[in-house]
Amino acid sequence: MSIGAGDTARWGPGEEDAARAHLRSLREAGRTVMVQPYLPAVDTVGETALIFCDGEFSHACRKAQILTAGAGVQGHVRDDPARGQVTASTATDGELEVARRALAAVPHGDDLLYARVDMIPGPDGAPMLIELELTEPALYLHHAPGSAGRLAKAIISRLR
């Protein structure tokens, strides 16, 4: 698993040896490794992140594709500014429903300071949860006016 897609790799059929070597190097470095299928919607639509603050929906962002298609390409494509670009977005009713169901499944999920619920369209086009970030997420505060203030207010209220 990586923070900000560091050391992330995308491997395809016929690249099993290279993928195993990559995983082995991460494990030998003491890292935890997560392997998941690469879903085509990441390339065509990107990820949608719904950010919640103090139990309430705050804002949504869309993150563009980070990894290029093709054999053994790993990590960020740093010479293309569109790769991984985050932009403000509007959450759909379906996305909000998935996010709320995911948070409801978390013990004390209604009492979280913040959460980020990442999803993409599944094979049927319906929103599908891919990550639930509760401890170290980027909250994309600069993409939503007022969101930093909402977070600061939530923090202050918990300190009292």
C-alpha atoms as a PDB file:
ATOM      1  CA  MET A   1       0.000   0.000   0.000  1.00  0.00           C
ATOM      2  CA  SER A   2       1.279   3.452  -0.683  1.00  0.00           C
ATOM      3  CA  ILE A   3       0.591   6.975   0.362  1.00  0.00           C
ATOM      4  CA  GLY A   4      -0.016   9.246  -2.598  1.00  0.00           C
ATOM      5  CA  ALA A   5       0.613   6.353  -5.000  1.00  0.00           C
ATOM      6  CA  GLY A   6       4.302   6.129  -4.102  1.00  0.00           C
ATOM      7  CA  ASP A   7       5.778   2.762  -5.130  1.00  0.00           C
ATOM      8  CA  THR A   8       2.481   1.859  -6.797  1.00  0.00           C
ATOM      9  CA  ALA A   9       2.772  -0.250  -9.925  1.00  0.00           C
ATOM     10  CA  ARG A  10       0.407  -1.476 -12.589  1.00  0.00           C
ATOM     11  CA  TRP A  11       1.189  -4.887 -14.042  1.00  0.00           C
ATOM     12  CA  GLY A  12      -0.525  -6.866 -16.780  1.00  0.00           C
ATOM     13  CA  PRO A  13      -0.621 -10.386 -18.188  1.00  0.00           C
ATOM     14  CA  GLY A  14       2.820 -11.781 -18.877  1.00  0.00           C
ATOM     15  CA  GLU A  15       4.454  -9.538 -16.275  1.00  0.00           C
ATOM     16  CA  GLU A  16       4.058 -11.852 -13.310  1.00  0.00           C
ATOM     17  CA  ASP A  17       7.804 -12.173 -12.636  1.00  0.00           C
ATOM     18  CA  ALA A  18       8.307  -8.408 -12.612  1.00  0.00           C
ATOM     19  CA  ALA A  19       5.249  -7.958 -10.384  1.00  0.00           C
ATOM     20  CA  ARG A  20       6.525 -10.583  -7.923  1.00  0.00           C
ATOM     21  CA  ALA A  21       9.940  -8.916  -7.831  1.00  0.00           C
ATOM     22  CA  HIS A  22       8.329  -5.561  -7.112  1.00  0.00           C
ATOM     23  CA  LEU A  23       6.176  -7.032  -4.330  1.00  0.00           C
ATOM     24  CA  ARG A  24       9.147  -8.903  -2.885  1.00  0.00           C
ATOM     25  CA  SER A  25      11.238  -5.722  -2.769  1.00  0.00           C
ATOM     26  CA  LEU A  26       8.468  -3.923  -0.882  1.00  0.00           C
ATOM     27  CA  ARG A  27       8.044  -6.789   1.603  1.00  0.00           C
ATOM     28  CA  GLU A  28      11.816  -7.026   2.136  1.00  0.00           C
ATOM     29  CA  ALA A  29      11.755  -3.317   2.992  1.00  0.00           C
ATOM     30  CA  GLY A  30       9.199  -4.092   5.712  1.00  0.00           C
ATOM     31  CA  ARG A  31       6.289  -2.580   3.806  1.00  0.00           C
ATOM     32  CA  THR A  32       2.727  -3.852   3.833  1.00  0.00           C
ATOM     33  CA  VAL A  33       1.565  -4.745   0.341  1.00  0.00           C
ATOM     34  CA  MET A  34      -1.925  -4.556  -1.093  1.00  0.00           C
ATOM     35  CA  VAL A  35      -2.759  -6.080  -4.460  1.00  0.00           C
ATOM     36  CA  GLN A  36      -6.002  -5.179  -6.145  1.00  0.00           C
ATOM     37  CA  PRO A  37      -7.452  -5.494  -9.637  1.00  0.00           C
ATOM     38  CA  TYR A  38      -7.017  -2.518 -11.898  1.00  0.00           C
ATOM     39  CA  LEU A  39     -10.451  -1.418 -13.032  1.00  0.00           C
ATOM     40  CA  PRO A  40     -10.865   0.342 -16.408  1.00  0.00           C
ATOM     41  CA  ALA A  41     -12.938   3.191 -14.940  1.00  0.00           C
ATOM     42  CA  VAL A  42      -9.757   4.495 -13.295  1.00  0.00           C
ATOM     43  CA  ASP A  43      -8.487   5.294 -16.806  1.00  0.00           C
ATOM     44  CA  THR A  44     -11.725   6.626 -18.274  1.00  0.00           C
ATOM     45  CA  VAL A  45     -13.440   8.406 -15.367  1.00  0.00           C
ATOM     46  CA  GLY A  46     -10.908   8.594 -12.542  1.00  0.00           C
ATOM     47  CA  GLU A  47     -11.578   8.295  -8.830  1.00  0.00           C
ATOM     48  CA  THR A  48     -14.185  10.339  -7.006  1.00  0.00           C
ATOM     49  CA  ALA A  49     -13.394  11.277  -3.415  1.00  0.00           C
ATOM     50  CA  LEU A  50     -16.182  12.307  -1.054  1.00  0.00           C
ATOM     51  CA  ILE A  51     -14.912  14.122   2.023  1.00  0.00           C
ATOM     52  CA  PHE A  52     -16.845  14.119   5.278  1.00  0.00           C
ATOM     53  CA  CYS A  53     -16.117  16.431   8.192  1.00  0.00           C
ATOM     54  CA  ASP A  54     -17.561  15.788  11.638  1.00  0.00           C
ATOM     55  CA  GLY A  55     -20.010  13.288  10.171  1.00  0.00           C
ATOM     56  CA  GLU A  56     -21.341  15.619   7.469  1.00  0.00           C
ATOM     57  CA  PHE A  57     -20.623  15.576   3.751  1.00  0.00           C
ATOM     58  CA  SER A  58     -18.275  18.473   2.975  1.00  0.00           C
ATOM     59  CA  HIS A  59     -17.187  18.254  -0.657  1.00  0.00           C
ATOM     60  CA  ALA A  60     -16.171  16.010  -3.541  1.00  0.00           C
ATOM     61  CA  CYS A  61     -13.163  15.874  -5.856  1.00  0.00           C
ATOM     62  CA  ARG A  62     -12.199  13.884  -8.913  1.00  0.00           C
ATOM     63  CA  LYS A  63      -8.689  12.478  -9.324  1.00  0.00           C
ATOM     64  CA  ALA A  64      -7.458  11.670 -12.814  1.00  0.00           C
ATOM     65  CA  GLN A  65      -5.540   8.541 -13.787  1.00  0.00           C
ATOM     66  CA  ILE A  66      -2.063   8.272 -12.265  1.00  0.00           C
ATOM     67  CA  LEU A  67      -0.544   5.197 -13.886  1.00  0.00           C
ATOM     68  CA  THR A  68      -0.119   4.836 -17.614  1.00  0.00           C
ATOM     69  CA  ALA A  69      -1.271   1.744 -19.393  1.00  0.00           C
ATOM     70  CA  GLY A  70       1.470  -0.530 -20.621  1.00  0.00           C
ATOM     71  CA  ALA A  71       3.972  -2.998 -19.442  1.00  0.00           C
ATOM     72  CA  GLY A  72       5.547  -2.489 -16.069  1.00  0.00           C
ATOM     73  CA  VAL A  73       4.981   1.234 -15.783  1.00  0.00           C
ATOM     74  CA  GLN A  74       5.070   2.175 -12.145  1.00  0.00           C
ATOM     75  CA  GLY A  75       4.629   5.258 -10.024  1.00  0.00           C
ATOM     76  CA  HIS A  76       3.618   8.739 -11.074  1.00  0.00           C
ATOM     77  CA  VAL A  77       4.043   9.984 -14.603  1.00  0.00           C
ATOM     78  CA  ARG A  78       5.744  13.183 -13.520  1.00  0.00           C
ATOM     79  CA  ASP A  79       6.135  14.824 -16.931  1.00  0.00           C
ATOM     80  CA  ASP A  80       2.374  14.937 -17.591  1.00  0.00           C
ATOM     81  CA  PRO A  81       0.601  17.507 -15.388  1.00  0.00           C
ATOM     82  CA  ALA A  82      -2.807  15.945 -16.104  1.00  0.00           C
ATOM     83  CA  ARG A  83      -1.806  12.664 -14.439  1.00  0.00           C
ATOM     84  CA  GLY A  84      -3.339  12.434 -10.987  1.00  0.00           C
ATOM     85  CA  GLN A  85      -4.740  15.941 -11.241  1.00  0.00           C
ATOM     86  CA  VAL A  86      -7.406  16.639  -8.614  1.00  0.00           C
ATOM     87  CA  THR A  87     -10.359  18.847  -9.490  1.00  0.00           C
ATOM     88  CA  ALA A  88     -13.520  19.871  -7.664  1.00  0.00           C
ATOM     89  CA  SER A  89     -16.509  17.666  -8.403  1.00  0.00           C
ATOM     90  CA  THR A  90     -20.163  17.281  -7.513  1.00  0.00           C
ATOM     91  CA  ALA A  91     -21.219  14.087  -5.748  1.00  0.00           C
ATOM     92  CA  THR A  92     -24.105  12.155  -7.229  1.00  0.00           C
ATOM     93  CA  ASP A  93     -26.909  10.796  -5.082  1.00  0.00           C
ATOM     94  CA  GLY A  94     -25.581   7.282  -5.740  1.00  0.00           C
ATOM     95  CA  GLU A  95     -22.075   8.236  -4.616  1.00  0.00           C
ATOM     96  CA  LEU A  96     -23.428   9.853  -1.455  1.00  0.00           C
ATOM     97  CA  GLU A  97     -25.432   6.715  -0.679  1.00  0.00           C
ATOM     98  CA  VAL A  98     -22.389   4.445  -1.094  1.00  0.00           C
ATOM     99  CA  ALA A  99     -20.270   6.767   1.055  1.00  0.00           C
ATOM    100  CA  ARG A 100     -22.863   6.920   3.817  1.00  0.00           C
ATOM    101  CA  ARG A 101     -23.270   3.131   3.810  1.00  0.00           C
ATOM    102  CA  ALA A 102     -19.495   2.694   4.048  1.00  0.00           C
ATOM    103  CA  LEU A 103     -19.253   5.099   6.973  1.00  0.00           C
ATOM    104  CA  ALA A 104     -22.215   3.444   8.706  1.00  0.00           C
ATOM    105  CA  ALA A 105     -20.273   0.166   8.655  1.00  0.00           C
ATOM    106  CA  VAL A 106     -17.410   1.703  10.664  1.00  0.00           C
ATOM    107  CA  PRO A 107     -17.647   1.434  14.462  1.00  0.00           C
ATOM    108  CA  HIS A 108     -18.327   4.966  15.714  1.00  0.00           C
ATOM    109  CA  GLY A 109     -18.443   6.093  12.085  1.00  0.00           C
ATOM    110  CA  ASP A 110     -20.880   8.832  13.023  1.00  0.00           C
ATOM    111  CA  ASP A 111     -18.255  10.347  15.343  1.00  0.00           C
ATOM    112  CA  LEU A 112     -15.286  10.620  12.978  1.00  0.00           C
ATOM    113  CA  LEU A 113     -13.480  13.935  12.720  1.00  0.00           C
ATOM    114  CA  TYR A 114     -12.980  13.347   9.005  1.00  0.00           C
ATOM    115  CA  ALA A 115     -13.172  10.630   6.400  1.00  0.00           C
ATOM    116  CA  ARG A 116     -12.535  10.325   2.694  1.00  0.00           C
ATOM    117  CA  VAL A 117     -14.533   7.801   0.712  1.00  0.00           C
ATOM    118  CA  ASP A 118     -12.995   6.973  -2.679  1.00  0.00           C
ATOM    119  CA  MET A 119     -14.982   5.286  -5.412  1.00  0.00           C
ATOM    120  CA  ILE A 120     -15.150   4.611  -9.119  1.00  0.00           C
ATOM    121  CA  PRO A 121     -17.940   3.372 -11.351  1.00  0.00           C
ATOM    122  CA  GLY A 122     -18.114  -0.416 -11.192  1.00  0.00           C
ATOM    123  CA  PRO A 123     -18.631  -2.645 -14.232  1.00  0.00           C
ATOM    124  CA  ASP A 124     -22.365  -1.828 -14.156  1.00  0.00           C
ATOM    125  CA  GLY A 125     -21.718   1.914 -13.833  1.00  0.00           C
ATOM    126  CA  ALA A 126     -22.884   2.091 -10.212  1.00  0.00           C
ATOM    127  CA  PRO A 127     -20.528   3.732  -7.681  1.00  0.00           C
ATOM    128  CA  MET A 128     -18.166   1.206  -6.112  1.00  0.00           C
ATOM    129  CA  LEU A 129     -16.091   1.741  -2.973  1.00  0.00           C
ATOM    130  CA  ILE A 130     -12.361   1.344  -3.531  1.00  0.00           C
ATOM    131  CA  GLU A 131     -10.920   2.984  -0.404  1.00  0.00           C
ATOM    132  CA  LEU A 132     -12.127   4.347   2.901  1.00  0.00           C
ATOM    133  CA  GLU A 133      -9.488   6.717   4.267  1.00  0.00           C
ATOM    134  CA  LEU A 134      -9.762   7.442   7.991  1.00  0.00           C
ATOM    135  CA  THR A 135      -6.248   8.098   9.248  1.00  0.00           C
ATOM    136  CA  GLU A 136      -4.086   9.922   6.721  1.00  0.00           C
ATOM    137  CA  PRO A 137      -6.095  11.069   3.751  1.00  0.00           C
ATOM    138  CA  ALA A 138      -5.529  14.041   1.582  1.00  0.00           C
ATOM    139  CA  LEU A 139      -8.731  16.004   2.120  1.00  0.00           C
ATOM    140  CA  TYR A 140      -8.361  18.313  -0.914  1.00  0.00           C
ATOM    141  CA  LEU A 141      -9.418  21.296   1.201  1.00  0.00           C
ATOM    142  CA  HIS A 142      -8.148  23.818  -1.350  1.00  0.00           C
ATOM    143  CA  HIS A 143     -10.742  22.544  -3.855  1.00  0.00           C
ATOM    144  CA  ALA A 144     -13.781  23.500  -1.763  1.00  0.00           C
ATOM    145  CA  PRO A 145     -14.256  26.983  -0.308  1.00  0.00           C
ATOM    146  CA  GLY A 146     -15.051  26.805   3.395  1.00  0.00           C
ATOM    147  CA  SER A 147     -13.867  23.235   3.867  1.00  0.00           C
ATOM    148  CA  ALA A 148     -10.721  24.171   5.818  1.00  0.00           C
ATOM    149  CA  GLY A 149     -12.847  26.287   8.133  1.00  0.00           C
ATOM    150  CA  ARG A 150     -15.277  23.404   8.683  1.00  0.00           C
ATOM    151  CA  LEU A 151     -12.404  21.104   9.592  1.00  0.00           C
ATOM    152  CA  ALA A 152     -10.852  23.672  11.939  1.00  0.00           C
ATOM    153  CA  LYS A 153     -14.219  24.186  13.640  1.00  0.00           C
ATOM    154  CA  ALA A 154     -14.638  20.415  14.084  1.00  0.00           C
ATOM    155  CA  ILE A 155     -11.160  20.126  15.607  1.00  0.00           C
ATOM    156  CA  ILE A 156     -11.760  23.015  17.985  1.00  0.00           C
ATOM    157  CA  SER A 157     -15.093  21.583  19.106  1.00  0.00           C
ATOM    158  CA  ARG A 158     -13.382  18.330  20.069  1.00  0.00           C
ATOM    159  CA  LEU A 159     -10.729  20.119  22.096  1.00  0.00           C
ATOM    160  CA  ARG A 160     -13.267  21.734  24.396  1.00  0.00           C
END
